[in-house]
Amino acid sequence: MAKEITDANYKELLADTSKPVVIDFWATWCGPCRMVGPVIDELAAEYEGKVVIGKCNVDDNEDMTMEFGIRNIPTILFFKNGQLVDKQVGSAPKSVFAQKIEALL
């Protein structure tokens, strides 16, 4: 299961650079987000211990959403060593997300 990422915990999460971080920005009312959500959960289970994969509800976490300039959802951000290195806007097949995660390792 993907970790819940919030305004309160994301800076600490990104400061720990021992593992890559993947954040799915989503909302309950977003249809494509509901399609991507289960894929993100599967990837979180598959990469457990290697990559931190989490979800950020844009309706509940405005600071984080604004800081990263999230204008469309779902948006998935990929971080390595605390730095943003890749982004996927909109839904995509699981293989696309897996390929981007593999590039972080």
N, C-alpha and C. Protein backbone atom coordinates (compact mmCIF):
# COMPACT_ATOMS: atom_id res chain seq x y z
N MET A 1 0.85 -1.19 0.00
CA MET A 1 0.00 0.00 0.00
C MET A 1 0.88 1.25 0.00
N ALA A 2 0.50 2.21 -0.77
CA ALA A 2 1.26 3.46 -0.86
C ALA A 2 1.14 4.24 0.45
N LYS A 3 2.20 4.94 0.77
CA LYS A 3 2.27 5.76 1.99
C LYS A 3 1.48 7.04 1.78
N GLU A 4 0.82 7.54 2.83
CA GLU A 4 0.13 8.82 2.73
C GLU A 4 1.16 9.93 2.90
N ILE A 5 1.23 10.80 1.92
CA ILE A 5 2.18 11.91 1.95
C ILE A 5 1.39 13.20 2.10
N THR A 6 1.80 14.02 3.07
CA THR A 6 1.05 15.23 3.41
C THR A 6 1.97 16.44 3.50
N ASP A 7 1.34 17.61 3.66
CA ASP A 7 2.10 18.84 3.88
C ASP A 7 3.02 18.69 5.09
N ALA A 8 2.59 17.90 6.07
CA ALA A 8 3.35 17.76 7.32
C ALA A 8 4.56 16.84 7.21
N ASN A 9 4.55 15.87 6.27
CA ASN A 9 5.65 14.90 6.27
C ASN A 9 6.51 14.86 5.01
N TYR A 10 6.16 15.60 3.96
CA TYR A 10 6.89 15.43 2.70
C TYR A 10 8.31 15.96 2.73
N LYS A 11 8.57 17.05 3.45
CA LYS A 11 9.94 17.60 3.47
C LYS A 11 10.91 16.62 4.14
N GLU A 12 10.46 16.02 5.22
CA GLU A 12 11.29 15.02 5.91
C GLU A 12 11.52 13.81 5.01
N LEU A 13 10.48 13.41 4.32
CA LEU A 13 10.57 12.26 3.41
C LEU A 13 11.58 12.51 2.29
N LEU A 14 11.54 13.70 1.71
CA LEU A 14 12.46 14.03 0.61
C LEU A 14 13.88 14.29 1.12
N ALA A 15 14.03 14.69 2.39
CA ALA A 15 15.35 14.94 2.95
C ALA A 15 16.12 13.64 3.16
N ASP A 16 15.40 12.53 3.37
CA ASP A 16 16.04 11.22 3.52
C ASP A 16 16.33 10.70 2.11
N THR A 17 17.55 10.91 1.65
CA THR A 17 17.89 10.60 0.27
C THR A 17 18.38 9.17 0.06
N SER A 18 18.20 8.31 1.06
CA SER A 18 18.68 6.94 0.91
C SER A 18 17.87 6.14 -0.11
N LYS A 19 16.61 6.54 -0.35
CA LYS A 19 15.76 5.84 -1.32
C LYS A 19 15.08 6.84 -2.24
N PRO A 20 14.86 6.45 -3.49
CA PRO A 20 14.06 7.30 -4.37
C PRO A 20 12.63 7.43 -3.82
N VAL A 21 11.96 8.51 -4.21
CA VAL A 21 10.60 8.77 -3.75
C VAL A 21 9.71 9.02 -4.97
N VAL A 22 8.53 8.40 -4.97
CA VAL A 22 7.53 8.60 -6.03
C VAL A 22 6.26 9.09 -5.34
N ILE A 23 5.72 10.22 -5.81
CA ILE A 23 4.51 10.78 -5.21
C ILE A 23 3.43 10.93 -6.27
N ASP A 24 2.27 10.33 -5.99
CA ASP A 24 1.09 10.42 -6.85
C ASP A 24 0.17 11.50 -6.28
N PHE A 25 -0.02 12.59 -7.03
CA PHE A 25 -0.94 13.65 -6.63
C PHE A 25 -2.30 13.31 -7.23
N TRP A 26 -3.33 13.23 -6.39
CA TRP A 26 -4.64 12.74 -6.80
C TRP A 26 -5.74 13.44 -6.01
N ALA A 27 -6.99 13.12 -6.35
CA ALA A 27 -8.17 13.58 -5.61
C ALA A 27 -9.27 12.53 -5.76
N THR A 28 -10.15 12.47 -4.79
CA THR A 28 -11.22 11.47 -4.80
C THR A 28 -12.18 11.65 -5.96
N TRP A 29 -12.36 12.88 -6.41
CA TRP A 29 -13.33 13.18 -7.47
C TRP A 29 -12.76 12.99 -8.89
N CYS A 30 -11.50 12.63 -8.99
CA CYS A 30 -10.80 12.54 -10.28
C CYS A 30 -10.87 11.12 -10.84
N GLY A 31 -11.58 10.95 -11.97
CA GLY A 31 -11.72 9.63 -12.60
C GLY A 31 -10.40 8.98 -12.97
N PRO A 32 -9.52 9.67 -13.71
CA PRO A 32 -8.23 9.07 -14.05
C PRO A 32 -7.39 8.72 -12.81
N CYS A 33 -7.56 9.49 -11.75
CA CYS A 33 -6.83 9.19 -10.50
C CYS A 33 -7.27 7.84 -9.94
N ARG A 34 -8.54 7.54 -10.05
CA ARG A 34 -9.06 6.26 -9.56
C ARG A 34 -8.53 5.10 -10.38
N MET A 35 -8.16 5.36 -11.65
CA MET A 35 -7.56 4.31 -12.48
C MET A 35 -6.09 4.11 -12.12
N VAL A 36 -5.38 5.19 -11.84
CA VAL A 36 -3.95 5.12 -11.53
C VAL A 36 -3.70 4.63 -10.11
N GLY A 37 -4.59 4.95 -9.19
CA GLY A 37 -4.41 4.62 -7.77
C GLY A 37 -4.05 3.17 -7.50
N PRO A 38 -4.80 2.20 -8.02
CA PRO A 38 -4.47 0.79 -7.77
C PRO A 38 -3.10 0.40 -8.34
N VAL A 39 -2.71 1.01 -9.46
CA VAL A 39 -1.40 0.73 -10.06
C VAL A 39 -0.30 1.22 -9.13
N ILE A 40 -0.49 2.40 -8.56
CA ILE A 40 0.49 2.96 -7.62
C ILE A 40 0.60 2.05 -6.39
N ASP A 41 -0.53 1.54 -5.90
CA ASP A 41 -0.50 0.62 -4.76
C ASP A 41 0.26 -0.66 -5.10
N GLU A 42 0.04 -1.20 -6.30
CA GLU A 42 0.77 -2.40 -6.72
C GLU A 42 2.27 -2.15 -6.78
N LEU A 43 2.65 -1.01 -7.35
CA LEU A 43 4.07 -0.67 -7.45
C LEU A 43 4.69 -0.46 -6.07
N ALA A 44 3.91 0.11 -5.15
CA ALA A 44 4.41 0.31 -3.78
C ALA A 44 4.74 -1.04 -3.15
N ALA A 45 3.90 -2.03 -3.39
CA ALA A 45 4.15 -3.37 -2.84
C ALA A 45 5.35 -4.01 -3.53
N GLU A 46 5.45 -3.86 -4.85
CA GLU A 46 6.53 -4.49 -5.60
C GLU A 46 7.90 -3.89 -5.29
N TYR A 47 7.94 -2.59 -5.02
CA TYR A 47 9.22 -1.91 -4.77
C TYR A 47 9.45 -1.60 -3.30
N GLU A 48 8.67 -2.24 -2.42
CA GLU A 48 8.81 -2.01 -0.98
C GLU A 48 10.24 -2.28 -0.55
N GLY A 49 10.80 -1.34 0.21
CA GLY A 49 12.17 -1.47 0.68
C GLY A 49 13.20 -0.87 -0.25
N LYS A 50 12.81 -0.62 -1.51
CA LYS A 50 13.73 -0.04 -2.49
C LYS A 50 13.38 1.41 -2.82
N VAL A 51 12.06 1.69 -2.88
CA VAL A 51 11.56 3.00 -3.27
C VAL A 51 10.40 3.36 -2.34
N VAL A 52 10.33 4.62 -1.91
CA VAL A 52 9.19 5.10 -1.14
C VAL A 52 8.15 5.59 -2.14
N ILE A 53 6.99 4.96 -2.14
CA ILE A 53 5.92 5.34 -3.06
C ILE A 53 4.72 5.77 -2.23
N GLY A 54 4.23 6.97 -2.53
CA GLY A 54 3.12 7.49 -1.75
C GLY A 54 2.14 8.29 -2.56
N LYS A 55 1.06 8.69 -1.89
CA LYS A 55 -0.01 9.45 -2.53
C LYS A 55 -0.27 10.72 -1.73
N CYS A 56 -0.54 11.79 -2.46
CA CYS A 56 -0.86 13.07 -1.85
C CYS A 56 -2.21 13.54 -2.38
N ASN A 57 -3.19 13.67 -1.49
CA ASN A 57 -4.51 14.17 -1.87
C ASN A 57 -4.41 15.69 -2.02
N VAL A 58 -4.60 16.19 -3.25
CA VAL A 58 -4.41 17.62 -3.51
C VAL A 58 -5.42 18.49 -2.76
N ASP A 59 -6.59 17.96 -2.47
CA ASP A 59 -7.60 18.73 -1.75
C ASP A 59 -7.23 18.95 -0.29
N ASP A 60 -6.44 18.06 0.27
CA ASP A 60 -6.07 18.14 1.69
C ASP A 60 -4.68 18.72 1.91
N ASN A 61 -3.89 18.91 0.86
CA ASN A 61 -2.48 19.31 1.01
C ASN A 61 -2.12 20.40 0.01
N GLU A 62 -2.67 21.59 0.25
CA GLU A 62 -2.49 22.69 -0.69
C GLU A 62 -1.06 23.21 -0.76
N ASP A 63 -0.34 23.21 0.36
CA ASP A 63 1.04 23.73 0.36
C ASP A 63 1.93 22.93 -0.58
N MET A 64 1.88 21.64 -0.44
CA MET A 64 2.70 20.76 -1.26
C MET A 64 2.29 20.85 -2.73
N THR A 65 0.99 20.88 -2.97
CA THR A 65 0.47 20.97 -4.32
C THR A 65 0.96 22.25 -5.00
N MET A 66 0.94 23.36 -4.29
CA MET A 66 1.40 24.63 -4.85
C MET A 66 2.91 24.62 -5.04
N GLU A 67 3.65 24.10 -4.07
CA GLU A 67 5.11 24.10 -4.17
C GLU A 67 5.59 23.37 -5.42
N PHE A 68 4.95 22.28 -5.78
CA PHE A 68 5.37 21.49 -6.93
C PHE A 68 4.62 21.88 -8.22
N GLY A 69 3.77 22.92 -8.14
CA GLY A 69 3.09 23.43 -9.32
C GLY A 69 2.15 22.43 -9.97
N ILE A 70 1.44 21.66 -9.14
CA ILE A 70 0.52 20.65 -9.67
C ILE A 70 -0.73 21.36 -10.19
N ARG A 71 -0.97 21.25 -11.49
CA ARG A 71 -2.14 21.88 -12.11
C ARG A 71 -3.11 20.86 -12.67
N ASN A 72 -2.61 19.68 -12.99
CA ASN A 72 -3.44 18.60 -13.52
C ASN A 72 -3.21 17.36 -12.68
N ILE A 73 -4.27 16.58 -12.51
CA ILE A 73 -4.11 15.31 -11.79
C ILE A 73 -4.72 14.20 -12.61
N PRO A 74 -4.21 13.01 -12.48
CA PRO A 74 -3.08 12.66 -11.64
C PRO A 74 -1.75 13.18 -12.21
N THR A 75 -0.87 13.58 -11.31
CA THR A 75 0.51 13.88 -11.64
C THR A 75 1.37 13.05 -10.71
N ILE A 76 2.33 12.35 -11.27
CA ILE A 76 3.22 11.52 -10.47
C ILE A 76 4.62 12.10 -10.62
N LEU A 77 5.23 12.44 -9.47
CA LEU A 77 6.58 13.01 -9.45
C LEU A 77 7.57 11.96 -8.98
N PHE A 78 8.75 11.98 -9.57
CA PHE A 78 9.81 11.01 -9.27
C PHE A 78 11.03 11.77 -8.75
N PHE A 79 11.48 11.42 -7.54
CA PHE A 79 12.61 12.11 -6.90
C PHE A 79 13.76 11.15 -6.67
N LYS A 80 14.97 11.64 -6.89
CA LYS A 80 16.19 10.88 -6.56
C LYS A 80 17.11 11.84 -5.83
N ASN A 81 17.66 11.38 -4.71
CA ASN A 81 18.52 12.22 -3.88
C ASN A 81 17.83 13.53 -3.50
N GLY A 82 16.52 13.47 -3.28
CA GLY A 82 15.76 14.64 -2.86
C GLY A 82 15.43 15.62 -3.97
N GLN A 83 15.85 15.32 -5.19
CA GLN A 83 15.63 16.22 -6.32
C GLN A 83 14.61 15.63 -7.29
N LEU A 84 13.74 16.49 -7.81
CA LEU A 84 12.77 16.06 -8.82
C LEU A 84 13.51 15.74 -10.11
N VAL A 85 13.34 14.51 -10.60
CA VAL A 85 14.05 14.09 -11.80
C VAL A 85 13.12 13.68 -12.95
N ASP A 86 11.84 13.43 -12.65
CA ASP A 86 10.92 13.02 -13.71
C ASP A 86 9.49 13.29 -13.27
N LYS A 87 8.59 13.30 -14.25
CA LYS A 87 7.18 13.59 -13.98
C LYS A 87 6.33 12.88 -15.01
N GLN A 88 5.17 12.40 -14.57
CA GLN A 88 4.17 11.82 -15.47
C GLN A 88 2.85 12.51 -15.18
N VAL A 89 2.30 13.22 -16.16
CA VAL A 89 1.01 13.88 -16.00
C VAL A 89 -0.03 13.05 -16.73
N GLY A 90 -1.09 12.70 -16.02
CA GLY A 90 -2.16 11.89 -16.61
C GLY A 90 -1.92 10.41 -16.38
N SER A 91 -2.92 9.63 -16.74
CA SER A 91 -2.82 8.18 -16.53
C SER A 91 -1.90 7.58 -17.58
N ALA A 92 -1.34 6.44 -17.25
CA ALA A 92 -0.43 5.70 -18.14
C ALA A 92 -0.45 4.25 -17.71
N PRO A 93 0.00 3.36 -18.58
CA PRO A 93 0.07 1.94 -18.21
C PRO A 93 1.09 1.71 -17.09
N LYS A 94 0.90 0.66 -16.36
CA LYS A 94 1.80 0.31 -15.27
C LYS A 94 3.26 0.24 -15.75
N SER A 95 3.47 -0.26 -16.96
CA SER A 95 4.83 -0.41 -17.49
C SER A 95 5.55 0.93 -17.58
N VAL A 96 4.83 2.01 -17.86
CA VAL A 96 5.45 3.34 -17.95
C VAL A 96 5.96 3.76 -16.57
N PHE A 97 5.12 3.57 -15.55
CA PHE A 97 5.53 3.94 -14.19
C PHE A 97 6.70 3.05 -13.73
N ALA A 98 6.63 1.77 -14.03
CA ALA A 98 7.71 0.84 -13.63
C ALA A 98 9.02 1.23 -14.30
N GLN A 99 8.98 1.61 -15.54
CA GLN A 99 10.19 2.02 -16.26
C GLN A 99 10.80 3.27 -15.62
N LYS A 100 9.96 4.22 -15.25
CA LYS A 100 10.46 5.44 -14.61
C LYS A 100 11.04 5.13 -13.23
N ILE A 101 10.43 4.19 -12.51
CA ILE A 101 10.95 3.80 -11.19
C ILE A 101 12.29 3.08 -11.36
N GLU A 102 12.38 2.20 -12.33
CA GLU A 102 13.64 1.47 -12.57
C GLU A 102 14.78 2.45 -12.87
N ALA A 103 14.45 3.54 -13.56
CA ALA A 103 15.47 4.56 -13.89
C ALA A 103 16.01 5.24 -12.64
N LEU A 104 15.25 5.22 -11.56
CA LEU A 104 15.68 5.83 -10.30
C LEU A 104 16.65 4.95 -9.53
N LEU A 105 16.62 3.65 -9.80
CA LEU A 105 17.41 2.70 -9.01
C LEU A 105 18.83 2.56 -9.52
